[in-house]
Amino acid sequence: MIIKNIEGMSAKELNQELEKGGKFVIFQYCVSVLVLTFKRGSHIYFIRSGESGFQYGIGCTVTTLLFGWWGFPWGPIYSIASLITNFRGGKDVTQEVIAALNRSTN
């Protein structure tokens, strides 16, 4: 599991950010090649409280806009779903990440 945007943060700083509203998110992207369509997730990003995740999800959004639509029938369906997820700030996976971190430290 690769988590981006926590470089240099101690566990205490991370917990403080989580208490203030920080979260772990995944952005989605879609790539289509004629009849094949692939919907994937990005690395996990930590979004600090009060921070916008736009700069982290823009690559996935642009990839979907350029390459996601072309597969039939799933290209448009997956593209729209990916764009909605990204425009809403990504998929919140905070609880899953915390559970995985707790399992790895025990």
PDB file of N, CA and C in Angstrom:
ATOM      1  N   MET A   1       0.849  -1.169   0.000  1.00  0.00           N
ATOM      2  CA  MET A   1       0.000   0.000   0.000  1.00  0.00           C
ATOM      3  C   MET A   1       0.899   1.237   0.000  1.00  0.00           C
ATOM      4  N   ILE A   2       0.762   2.060  -1.016  1.00  0.00           N
ATOM      5  CA  ILE A   2       1.529   3.297  -1.121  1.00  0.00           C
ATOM      6  C   ILE A   2       0.619   4.450  -0.711  1.00  0.00           C
ATOM      7  N   ILE A   3       1.070   5.222   0.278  1.00  0.00           N
ATOM      8  CA  ILE A   3       0.322   6.385   0.724  1.00  0.00           C
ATOM      9  C   ILE A   3       1.156   7.625   0.426  1.00  0.00           C
ATOM     10  N   LYS A   4       0.578   8.520  -0.342  1.00  0.00           N
ATOM     11  CA  LYS A   4       1.285   9.739  -0.726  1.00  0.00           C
ATOM     12  C   LYS A   4       0.824  10.912   0.136  1.00  0.00           C
ATOM     13  N   ASN A   5       1.689  11.884   0.281  1.00  0.00           N
ATOM     14  CA  ASN A   5       1.422  13.126   0.981  1.00  0.00           C
ATOM     15  C   ASN A   5       1.519  12.994   2.507  1.00  0.00           C
ATOM     16  N   ILE A   6       2.215  11.964   2.995  1.00  0.00           N
ATOM     17  CA  ILE A   6       2.458  11.877   4.440  1.00  0.00           C
ATOM     18  C   ILE A   6       3.950  11.910   4.736  1.00  0.00           C
ATOM     19  N   GLU A   7       4.743  12.234   3.737  1.00  0.00           N
ATOM     20  CA  GLU A   7       6.184  12.254   3.893  1.00  0.00           C
ATOM     21  C   GLU A   7       6.576  13.235   5.001  1.00  0.00           C
ATOM     22  N   GLY A   8       7.388  12.775   5.934  1.00  0.00           N
ATOM     23  CA  GLY A   8       7.888  13.618   7.009  1.00  0.00           C
ATOM     24  C   GLY A   8       6.933  13.811   8.172  1.00  0.00           C
ATOM     25  N   MET A   9       5.755  13.189   8.115  1.00  0.00           N
ATOM     26  CA  MET A   9       4.789  13.330   9.206  1.00  0.00           C
ATOM     27  C   MET A   9       5.000  12.225  10.228  1.00  0.00           C
ATOM     28  N   SER A  10       4.977  12.596  11.502  1.00  0.00           N
ATOM     29  CA  SER A  10       5.045  11.588  12.556  1.00  0.00           C
ATOM     30  C   SER A  10       3.649  11.017  12.763  1.00  0.00           C
ATOM     31  N   ALA A  11       3.572   9.914  13.493  1.00  0.00           N
ATOM     32  CA  ALA A  11       2.266   9.304  13.793  1.00  0.00           C
ATOM     33  C   ALA A  11       1.399  10.281  14.568  1.00  0.00           C
ATOM     34  N   LYS A  12       2.011  11.044  15.459  1.00  0.00           N
ATOM     35  CA  LYS A  12       1.259  12.020  16.252  1.00  0.00           C
ATOM     36  C   LYS A  12       0.675  13.110  15.360  1.00  0.00           C
ATOM     37  N   GLU A  13       1.482  13.632  14.432  1.00  0.00           N
ATOM     38  CA  GLU A  13       0.998  14.661  13.507  1.00  0.00           C
ATOM     39  C   GLU A  13      -0.119  14.119  12.619  1.00  0.00           C
ATOM     40  N   LEU A  14       0.033  12.880  12.172  1.00  0.00           N
ATOM     41  CA  LEU A  14      -0.988  12.252  11.338  1.00  0.00           C
ATOM     42  C   LEU A  14      -2.298  12.123  12.103  1.00  0.00           C
ATOM     43  N   ASN A  15      -2.224  11.660  13.340  1.00  0.00           N
ATOM     44  CA  ASN A  15      -3.435  11.521  14.160  1.00  0.00           C
ATOM     45  C   ASN A  15      -4.096  12.872  14.418  1.00  0.00           C
ATOM     46  N   GLN A  16      -3.296  13.910  14.644  1.00  0.00           N
ATOM     47  CA  GLN A  16      -3.857  15.247  14.846  1.00  0.00           C
ATOM     48  C   GLN A  16      -4.595  15.723  13.599  1.00  0.00           C
ATOM     49  N   GLU A  17      -4.000  15.479  12.432  1.00  0.00           N
ATOM     50  CA  GLU A  17      -4.662  15.868  11.180  1.00  0.00           C
ATOM     51  C   GLU A  17      -5.956  15.082  10.976  1.00  0.00           C
ATOM     52  N   LEU A  18      -5.937  13.795  11.299  1.00  0.00           N
ATOM     53  CA  LEU A  18      -7.151  12.983  11.166  1.00  0.00           C
ATOM     54  C   LEU A  18      -8.253  13.496  12.089  1.00  0.00           C
ATOM     55  N   GLU A  19      -7.890  13.889  13.302  1.00  0.00           N
ATOM     56  CA  GLU A  19      -8.876  14.430  14.248  1.00  0.00           C
ATOM     57  C   GLU A  19      -9.465  15.749  13.762  1.00  0.00           C
ATOM     58  N   LYS A  20      -8.668  16.527  13.029  1.00  0.00           N
ATOM     59  CA  LYS A  20      -9.142  17.806  12.494  1.00  0.00           C
ATOM     60  C   LYS A  20      -9.927  17.645  11.193  1.00  0.00           C
ATOM     61  N   GLY A  21     -10.012  16.429  10.666  1.00  0.00           N
ATOM     62  CA  GLY A  21     -10.790  16.214   9.442  1.00  0.00           C
ATOM     63  C   GLY A  21      -9.988  15.731   8.251  1.00  0.00           C
ATOM     64  N   GLY A  22      -8.722  15.415   8.444  1.00  0.00           N
ATOM     65  CA  GLY A  22      -7.933  14.858   7.351  1.00  0.00           C
ATOM     66  C   GLY A  22      -8.491  13.499   6.940  1.00  0.00           C
ATOM     67  N   LYS A  23      -8.192  13.095   5.717  1.00  0.00           N
ATOM     68  CA  LYS A  23      -8.707  11.804   5.251  1.00  0.00           C
ATOM     69  C   LYS A  23      -7.782  11.201   4.206  1.00  0.00           C
ATOM     70  N   PHE A  24      -7.921   9.906   4.025  1.00  0.00           N
ATOM     71  CA  PHE A  24      -7.214   9.169   2.983  1.00  0.00           C
ATOM     72  C   PHE A  24      -8.196   8.937   1.840  1.00  0.00           C
ATOM     73  N   VAL A  25      -7.779   9.229   0.620  1.00  0.00           N
ATOM     74  CA  VAL A  25      -8.671   9.070  -0.527  1.00  0.00           C
ATOM     75  C   VAL A  25      -7.958   8.384  -1.686  1.00  0.00           C
ATOM     76  N   ILE A  26      -8.766   7.798  -2.550  1.00  0.00           N
ATOM     77  CA  ILE A  26      -8.309   7.218  -3.814  1.00  0.00           C
ATOM     78  C   ILE A  26      -9.095   7.900  -4.926  1.00  0.00           C
ATOM     79  N   PHE A  27      -8.400   8.262  -5.987  1.00  0.00           N
ATOM     80  CA  PHE A  27      -9.061   8.814  -7.164  1.00  0.00           C
ATOM     81  C   PHE A  27      -9.175   7.708  -8.205  1.00  0.00           C
ATOM     82  N   GLN A  28     -10.191   7.781  -9.042  1.00  0.00           N
ATOM     83  CA  GLN A  28     -10.421   6.741 -10.039  1.00  0.00           C
ATOM     84  C   GLN A  28     -10.128   7.275 -11.438  1.00  0.00           C
ATOM     85  N   TYR A  29      -9.697   6.351 -12.288  1.00  0.00           N
ATOM     86  CA  TYR A  29      -9.520   6.705 -13.697  1.00  0.00           C
ATOM     87  C   TYR A  29      -9.975   5.540 -14.553  1.00  0.00           C
ATOM     88  N   CYS A  30     -10.274   5.855 -15.798  1.00  0.00           N
ATOM     89  CA  CYS A  30     -10.793   4.869 -16.734  1.00  0.00           C
ATOM     90  C   CYS A  30     -10.033   5.013 -18.050  1.00  0.00           C
ATOM     91  N   VAL A  31      -9.657   3.878 -18.622  1.00  0.00           N
ATOM     92  CA  VAL A  31      -8.973   3.842 -19.915  1.00  0.00           C
ATOM     93  C   VAL A  31      -9.670   2.794 -20.771  1.00  0.00           C
ATOM     94  N   SER A  32      -9.982   3.159 -22.008  1.00  0.00           N
ATOM     95  CA  SER A  32     -10.678   2.243 -22.915  1.00  0.00           C
ATOM     96  C   SER A  32      -9.893   2.046 -24.202  1.00  0.00           C
ATOM     97  N   VAL A  33      -9.983   0.822 -24.724  1.00  0.00           N
ATOM     98  CA  VAL A  33      -9.407   0.478 -26.016  1.00  0.00           C
ATOM     99  C   VAL A  33     -10.462  -0.357 -26.744  1.00  0.00           C
ATOM    100  N   LEU A  34     -11.226   0.292 -27.594  1.00  0.00           N
ATOM    101  CA  LEU A  34     -12.318  -0.327 -28.354  1.00  0.00           C
ATOM    102  C   LEU A  34     -13.300  -1.057 -27.438  1.00  0.00           C
ATOM    103  N   VAL A  35     -13.212  -2.366 -27.322  1.00  0.00           N
ATOM    104  CA  VAL A  35     -14.184  -3.104 -26.513  1.00  0.00           C
ATOM    105  C   VAL A  35     -13.668  -3.396 -25.100  1.00  0.00           C
ATOM    106  N   LEU A  36     -12.445  -3.025 -24.806  1.00  0.00           N
ATOM    107  CA  LEU A  36     -11.880  -3.241 -23.476  1.00  0.00           C
ATOM    108  C   LEU A  36     -11.867  -1.930 -22.703  1.00  0.00           C
ATOM    109  N   THR A  37     -12.382  -1.975 -21.476  1.00  0.00           N
ATOM    110  CA  THR A  37     -12.390  -0.796 -20.627  1.00  0.00           C
ATOM    111  C   THR A  37     -11.853  -1.191 -19.263  1.00  0.00           C
ATOM    112  N   PHE A  38     -10.944  -0.366 -18.744  1.00  0.00           N
ATOM    113  CA  PHE A  38     -10.322  -0.628 -17.455  1.00  0.00           C
ATOM    114  C   PHE A  38     -10.607   0.534 -16.520  1.00  0.00           C
ATOM    115  N   LYS A  39     -11.154   0.231 -15.355  1.00  0.00           N
ATOM    116  CA  LYS A  39     -11.399   1.232 -14.323  1.00  0.00           C
ATOM    117  C   LYS A  39     -10.473   0.904 -13.164  1.00  0.00           C
ATOM    118  N   ARG A  40      -9.628   1.848 -12.799  1.00  0.00           N
ATOM    119  CA  ARG A  40      -8.609   1.608 -11.772  1.00  0.00           C
ATOM    120  C   ARG A  40      -8.612   2.743 -10.766  1.00  0.00           C
ATOM    121  N   GLY A  41      -7.909   2.509  -9.666  1.00  0.00           N
ATOM    122  CA  GLY A  41      -7.759   3.527  -8.641  1.00  0.00           C
ATOM    123  C   GLY A  41      -6.322   4.002  -8.562  1.00  0.00           C
ATOM    124  N   SER A  42      -6.151   5.214  -8.084  1.00  0.00           N
ATOM    125  CA  SER A  42      -4.819   5.791  -7.917  1.00  0.00           C
ATOM    126  C   SER A  42      -4.186   5.248  -6.641  1.00  0.00           C
ATOM    127  N   HIS A  43      -2.995   5.735  -6.343  1.00  0.00           N
ATOM    128  CA  HIS A  43      -2.414   5.494  -5.027  1.00  0.00           C
ATOM    129  C   HIS A  43      -3.312   6.160  -3.996  1.00  0.00           C
ATOM    130  N   ILE A  44      -3.092   5.859  -2.751  1.00  0.00           N
ATOM    131  CA  ILE A  44      -3.831   6.504  -1.675  1.00  0.00           C
ATOM    132  C   ILE A  44      -3.153   7.839  -1.374  1.00  0.00           C
ATOM    133  N   TYR A  45      -3.958   8.876  -1.256  1.00  0.00           N
ATOM    134  CA  TYR A  45      -3.450  10.207  -0.917  1.00  0.00           C
ATOM    135  C   TYR A  45      -4.013  10.627   0.432  1.00  0.00           C
ATOM    136  N   PHE A  46      -3.169  11.257   1.237  1.00  0.00           N
ATOM    137  CA  PHE A  46      -3.652  11.842   2.478  1.00  0.00           C
ATOM    138  C   PHE A  46      -3.974  13.298   2.215  1.00  0.00           C
ATOM    139  N   ILE A  47      -5.218  13.682   2.462  1.00  0.00           N
ATOM    140  CA  ILE A  47      -5.671  15.052   2.270  1.00  0.00           C
ATOM    141  C   ILE A  47      -5.819  15.670   3.657  1.00  0.00           C
ATOM    142  N   ARG A  48      -5.026  16.678   3.931  1.00  0.00           N
ATOM    143  CA  ARG A  48      -5.076  17.345   5.236  1.00  0.00           C
ATOM    144  C   ARG A  48      -6.382  18.110   5.388  1.00  0.00           C
ATOM    145  N   SER A  49      -6.766  18.367   6.632  1.00  0.00           N
ATOM    146  CA  SER A  49      -7.990  19.123   6.889  1.00  0.00           C
ATOM    147  C   SER A  49      -7.861  20.508   6.254  1.00  0.00           C
ATOM    148  N   GLY A  50      -8.903  20.932   5.606  1.00  0.00           N
ATOM    149  CA  GLY A  50      -8.902  22.225   4.946  1.00  0.00           C
ATOM    150  C   GLY A  50      -8.204  22.258   3.602  1.00  0.00           C
ATOM    151  N   GLU A  51      -7.619  21.158   3.180  1.00  0.00           N
ATOM    152  CA  GLU A  51      -6.907  21.092   1.905  1.00  0.00           C
ATOM    153  C   GLU A  51      -7.823  20.502   0.838  1.00  0.00           C
ATOM    154  N   SER A  52      -7.689  20.994  -0.368  1.00  0.00           N
ATOM    155  CA  SER A  52      -8.428  20.446  -1.493  1.00  0.00           C
ATOM    156  C   SER A  52      -7.627  19.304  -2.117  1.00  0.00           C
ATOM    157  N   GLY A  53      -8.299  18.258  -2.517  1.00  0.00           N
ATOM    158  CA  GLY A  53      -7.629  17.147  -3.170  1.00  0.00           C
ATOM    159  C   GLY A  53      -7.532  17.313  -4.675  1.00  0.00           C
ATOM    160  N   PHE A  54      -7.953  18.462  -5.182  1.00  0.00           N
ATOM    161  CA  PHE A  54      -7.994  18.684  -6.627  1.00  0.00           C
ATOM    162  C   PHE A  54      -6.659  18.399  -7.300  1.00  0.00           C
ATOM    163  N   GLN A  55      -5.576  18.916  -6.730  1.00  0.00           N
ATOM    164  CA  GLN A  55      -4.269  18.750  -7.369  1.00  0.00           C
ATOM    165  C   GLN A  55      -3.821  17.296  -7.412  1.00  0.00           C
ATOM    166  N   TYR A  56      -4.326  16.461  -6.532  1.00  0.00           N
ATOM    167  CA  TYR A  56      -3.949  15.050  -6.519  1.00  0.00           C
ATOM    168  C   TYR A  56      -4.792  14.229  -7.505  1.00  0.00           C
ATOM    169  N   GLY A  57      -6.026  14.653  -7.733  1.00  0.00           N
ATOM    170  CA  GLY A  57      -6.919  13.892  -8.603  1.00  0.00           C
ATOM    171  C   GLY A  57      -6.969  14.358 -10.042  1.00  0.00           C
ATOM    172  N   ILE A  58      -6.311  15.469 -10.356  1.00  0.00           N
ATOM    173  CA  ILE A  58      -6.405  16.031 -11.703  1.00  0.00           C
ATOM    174  C   ILE A  58      -5.849  15.079 -12.774  1.00  0.00           C
ATOM    175  N   GLY A  59      -4.783  14.369 -12.456  1.00  0.00           N
ATOM    176  CA  GLY A  59      -4.213  13.433 -13.436  1.00  0.00           C
ATOM    177  C   GLY A  59      -5.185  12.323 -13.802  1.00  0.00           C
ATOM    178  N   CYS A  60      -5.850  11.771 -12.802  1.00  0.00           N
ATOM    179  CA  CYS A  60      -6.843  10.714 -13.061  1.00  0.00           C
ATOM    180  C   CYS A  60      -8.029  11.265 -13.835  1.00  0.00           C
ATOM    181  N   THR A  61      -8.436  12.475 -13.513  1.00  0.00           N
ATOM    182  CA  THR A  61      -9.574  13.086 -14.192  1.00  0.00           C
ATOM    183  C   THR A  61      -9.253  13.347 -15.661  1.00  0.00           C
ATOM    184  N   VAL A  62      -8.083  13.899 -15.938  1.00  0.00           N
ATOM    185  CA  VAL A  62      -7.688  14.180 -17.325  1.00  0.00           C
ATOM    186  C   VAL A  62      -7.531  12.873 -18.105  1.00  0.00           C
ATOM    187  N   THR A  63      -6.924  11.867 -17.489  1.00  0.00           N
ATOM    188  CA  THR A  63      -6.783  10.561 -18.155  1.00  0.00           C
ATOM    189  C   THR A  63      -8.139  10.007 -18.541  1.00  0.00           C
ATOM    190  N   THR A  64      -9.103  10.099 -17.636  1.00  0.00           N
ATOM    191  CA  THR A  64     -10.456   9.605 -17.924  1.00  0.00           C
ATOM    192  C   THR A  64     -11.101  10.409 -19.042  1.00  0.00           C
ATOM    193  N   LEU A  65     -10.955  11.724 -18.994  1.00  0.00           N
ATOM    194  CA  LEU A  65     -11.562  12.565 -20.042  1.00  0.00           C
ATOM    195  C   LEU A  65     -10.994  12.254 -21.420  1.00  0.00           C
ATOM    196  N   LEU A  66      -9.700  11.968 -21.494  1.00  0.00           N
ATOM    197  CA  LEU A  66      -9.067  11.715 -22.788  1.00  0.00           C
ATOM    198  C   LEU A  66      -9.215  10.278 -23.283  1.00  0.00           C
ATOM    199  N   PHE A  67      -9.129   9.306 -22.369  1.00  0.00           N
ATOM    200  CA  PHE A  67      -9.019   7.904 -22.788  1.00  0.00           C
ATOM    201  C   PHE A  67     -10.117   6.984 -22.279  1.00  0.00           C
ATOM    202  N   GLY A  68     -11.045   7.484 -21.492  1.00  0.00           N
ATOM    203  CA  GLY A  68     -12.024   6.608 -20.877  1.00  0.00           C
ATOM    204  C   GLY A  68     -13.261   6.304 -21.689  1.00  0.00           C
ATOM    205  N   TRP A  69     -13.632   7.178 -22.582  1.00  0.00           N
ATOM    206  CA  TRP A  69     -14.930   7.107 -23.251  1.00  0.00           C
ATOM    207  C   TRP A  69     -15.015   6.103 -24.388  1.00  0.00           C
ATOM    208  N   TRP A  70     -13.912   5.642 -24.903  1.00  0.00           N
ATOM    209  CA  TRP A  70     -13.892   5.011 -26.217  1.00  0.00           C
ATOM    210  C   TRP A  70     -14.329   3.560 -26.243  1.00  0.00           C
ATOM    211  N   GLY A  71     -14.433   2.895 -25.124  1.00  0.00           N
ATOM    212  CA  GLY A  71     -14.877   1.494 -25.111  1.00  0.00           C
ATOM    213  C   GLY A  71     -16.382   1.405 -25.014  1.00  0.00           C
ATOM    214  N   PHE A  72     -16.955   0.478 -25.748  1.00  0.00           N
ATOM    215  CA  PHE A  72     -18.400   0.326 -25.719  1.00  0.00           C
ATOM    216  C   PHE A  72     -18.760  -1.028 -25.132  1.00  0.00           C
ATOM    217  N   PRO A  73     -19.667  -1.114 -24.200  1.00  0.00           N
ATOM    218  CA  PRO A  73     -20.535  -0.072 -23.628  1.00  0.00           C
ATOM    219  C   PRO A  73     -19.998   0.533 -22.324  1.00  0.00           C
ATOM    220  N   TRP A  74     -18.960  -0.066 -21.735  1.00  0.00           N
ATOM    221  CA  TRP A  74     -18.550   0.320 -20.379  1.00  0.00           C
ATOM    222  C   TRP A  74     -17.721   1.586 -20.311  1.00  0.00           C
ATOM    223  N   GLY A  75     -17.129   2.025 -21.399  1.00  0.00           N
ATOM    224  CA  GLY A  75     -16.312   3.236 -21.379  1.00  0.00           C
ATOM    225  C   GLY A  75     -17.055   4.456 -20.856  1.00  0.00           C
ATOM    226  N   PRO A  76     -18.187   4.808 -21.463  1.00  0.00           N
ATOM    227  CA  PRO A  76     -18.930   5.967 -20.958  1.00  0.00           C
ATOM    228  C   PRO A  76     -19.449   5.773 -19.528  1.00  0.00           C
ATOM    229  N   ILE A  77     -19.895   4.576 -19.214  1.00  0.00           N
ATOM    230  CA  ILE A  77     -20.434   4.301 -17.881  1.00  0.00           C
ATOM    231  C   ILE A  77     -19.347   4.456 -16.818  1.00  0.00           C
ATOM    232  N   TYR A  78     -18.213   3.794 -17.008  1.00  0.00           N
ATOM    233  CA  TYR A  78     -17.109   3.888 -16.044  1.00  0.00           C
ATOM    234  C   TYR A  78     -16.507   5.289 -16.003  1.00  0.00           C
ATOM    235  N   SER A  79     -16.465   5.953 -17.149  1.00  0.00           N
ATOM    236  CA  SER A  79     -15.913   7.312 -17.194  1.00  0.00           C
ATOM    237  C   SER A  79     -16.757   8.259 -16.351  1.00  0.00           C
ATOM    238  N   ILE A  80     -18.047   8.209 -16.532  1.00  0.00           N
ATOM    239  CA  ILE A  80     -18.934   9.083 -15.761  1.00  0.00           C
ATOM    240  C   ILE A  80     -18.814   8.780 -14.268  1.00  0.00           C
ATOM    241  N   ALA A  81     -18.781   7.505 -13.911  1.00  0.00           N
ATOM    242  CA  ALA A  81     -18.654   7.130 -12.495  1.00  0.00           C
ATOM    243  C   ALA A  81     -17.323   7.628 -11.920  1.00  0.00           C
ATOM    244  N   SER A  82     -16.248   7.496 -12.678  1.00  0.00           N
ATOM    245  CA  SER A  82     -14.936   7.957 -12.218  1.00  0.00           C
ATOM    246  C   SER A  82     -14.911   9.467 -12.048  1.00  0.00           C
ATOM    247  N   LEU A  83     -15.467  10.176 -13.003  1.00  0.00           N
ATOM    248  CA  LEU A  83     -15.488  11.637 -12.925  1.00  0.00           C
ATOM    249  C   LEU A  83     -16.312  12.128 -11.737  1.00  0.00           C
ATOM    250  N   ILE A  84     -17.440  11.500 -11.492  1.00  0.00           N
ATOM    251  CA  ILE A  84     -18.266  11.877 -10.339  1.00  0.00           C
ATOM    252  C   ILE A  84     -17.488  11.662  -9.046  1.00  0.00           C
ATOM    253  N   THR A  85     -16.838  10.514  -8.927  1.00  0.00           N
ATOM    254  CA  THR A  85     -16.040  10.231  -7.728  1.00  0.00           C
ATOM    255  C   THR A  85     -14.943  11.274  -7.549  1.00  0.00           C
ATOM    256  N   ASN A  86     -14.226  11.585  -8.607  1.00  0.00           N
ATOM    257  CA  ASN A  86     -13.121  12.542  -8.526  1.00  0.00           C
ATOM    258  C   ASN A  86     -13.608  13.955  -8.210  1.00  0.00           C
ATOM    259  N   PHE A  87     -14.720  14.371  -8.823  1.00  0.00           N
ATOM    260  CA  PHE A  87     -15.235  15.708  -8.572  1.00  0.00           C
ATOM    261  C   PHE A  87     -15.788  15.851  -7.160  1.00  0.00           C
ATOM    262  N   ARG A  88     -16.132  14.740  -6.538  1.00  0.00           N
ATOM    263  CA  ARG A  88     -16.590  14.768  -5.144  1.00  0.00           C
ATOM    264  C   ARG A  88     -15.435  14.677  -4.152  1.00  0.00           C
ATOM    265  N   GLY A  89     -14.214  14.673  -4.656  1.00  0.00           N
ATOM    266  CA  GLY A  89     -13.055  14.665  -3.777  1.00  0.00           C
ATOM    267  C   GLY A  89     -12.393  13.314  -3.618  1.00  0.00           C
ATOM    268  N   GLY A  90     -12.763  12.345  -4.430  1.00  0.00           N
ATOM    269  CA  GLY A  90     -12.176  11.015  -4.358  1.00  0.00           C
ATOM    270  C   GLY A  90     -12.983  10.089  -3.451  1.00  0.00           C
ATOM    271  N   LYS A  91     -12.592   8.835  -3.455  1.00  0.00           N
ATOM    272  CA  LYS A  91     -13.257   7.835  -2.613  1.00  0.00           C
ATOM    273  C   LYS A  91     -12.548   7.816  -1.258  1.00  0.00           C
ATOM    274  N   ASP A  92     -13.295   8.080  -0.199  1.00  0.00           N
ATOM    275  CA  ASP A  92     -12.734   8.116   1.150  1.00  0.00           C
ATOM    276  C   ASP A  92     -12.461   6.687   1.629  1.00  0.00           C
ATOM    277  N   VAL A  93     -11.197   6.391   1.890  1.00  0.00           N
ATOM    278  CA  VAL A  93     -10.794   5.062   2.372  1.00  0.00           C
ATOM    279  C   VAL A  93     -10.106   5.166   3.734  1.00  0.00           C
ATOM    280  N   THR A  94     -10.437   6.212   4.491  1.00  0.00           N
ATOM    281  CA  THR A  94      -9.778   6.469   5.767  1.00  0.00           C
ATOM    282  C   THR A  94      -9.904   5.294   6.729  1.00  0.00           C
ATOM    283  N   GLN A  95     -11.094   4.771   6.886  1.00  0.00           N
ATOM    284  CA  GLN A  95     -11.300   3.676   7.848  1.00  0.00           C
ATOM    285  C   GLN A  95     -10.502   2.433   7.465  1.00  0.00           C
ATOM    286  N   GLU A  96     -10.455   2.124   6.178  1.00  0.00           N
ATOM    287  CA  GLU A  96      -9.700   0.960   5.723  1.00  0.00           C
ATOM    288  C   GLU A  96      -8.201   1.135   5.956  1.00  0.00           C
ATOM    289  N   VAL A  97      -7.685   2.337   5.704  1.00  0.00           N
ATOM    290  CA  VAL A  97      -6.255   2.600   5.904  1.00  0.00           C
ATOM    291  C   VAL A  97      -5.907   2.515   7.386  1.00  0.00           C
ATOM    292  N   ILE A  98      -6.719   3.123   8.231  1.00  0.00           N
ATOM    293  CA  ILE A  98      -6.462   3.067   9.671  1.00  0.00           C
ATOM    294  C   ILE A  98      -6.485   1.632  10.175  1.00  0.00           C
ATOM    295  N   ALA A  99      -7.453   0.842   9.710  1.00  0.00           N
ATOM    296  CA  ALA A  99      -7.523  -0.565  10.107  1.00  0.00           C
ATOM    297  C   ALA A  99      -6.281  -1.318   9.648  1.00  0.00           C
ATOM    298  N   ALA A 100      -5.817  -1.076   8.430  1.00  0.00           N
ATOM    299  CA  ALA A 100      -4.626  -1.762   7.913  1.00  0.00           C
ATOM    300  C   ALA A 100      -3.382  -1.331   8.684  1.00  0.00           C
ATOM    301  N   LEU A 101      -3.282  -0.043   9.014  1.00  0.00           N
ATOM    302  CA  LEU A 101      -2.133   0.436   9.787  1.00  0.00           C
ATOM    303  C   LEU A 101      -2.121  -0.161  11.192  1.00  0.00           C
ATOM    304  N   ASN A 102      -3.294  -0.268  11.796  1.00  0.00           N
ATOM    305  CA  ASN A 102      -3.392  -0.868  13.124  1.00  0.00           C
ATOM    306  C   ASN A 102      -3.018  -2.340  13.100  1.00  0.00           C
ATOM    307  N   ARG A 103      -3.407  -3.058  12.044  1.00  0.00           N
ATOM    308  CA  ARG A 103      -3.048  -4.474  11.922  1.00  0.00           C
ATOM    309  C   ARG A 103      -1.544  -4.646  11.748  1.00  0.00           C
ATOM    310  N   SER A 104      -0.927  -3.732  11.011  1.00  0.00           N
ATOM    311  CA  SER A 104       0.510  -3.865  10.748  1.00  0.00           C
ATOM    312  C   SER A 104       1.368  -3.501  11.953  1.00  0.00           C
ATOM    313  N   THR A 105       0.834  -2.703  12.877  1.00  0.00           N
ATOM    314  CA  THR A 105       1.608  -2.330  14.056  1.00  0.00           C
ATOM    315  C   THR A 105       1.406  -3.310  15.216  1.00  0.00           C
ATOM    316  N   ASN A 106       0.422  -4.171  15.105  1.00  0.00           N
ATOM    317  CA  ASN A 106       0.168  -5.144  16.183  1.00  0.00           C
ATOM    318  C   ASN A 106       0.937  -6.420  15.955  1.00  0.00           C
TER     319      ASN A 106
END
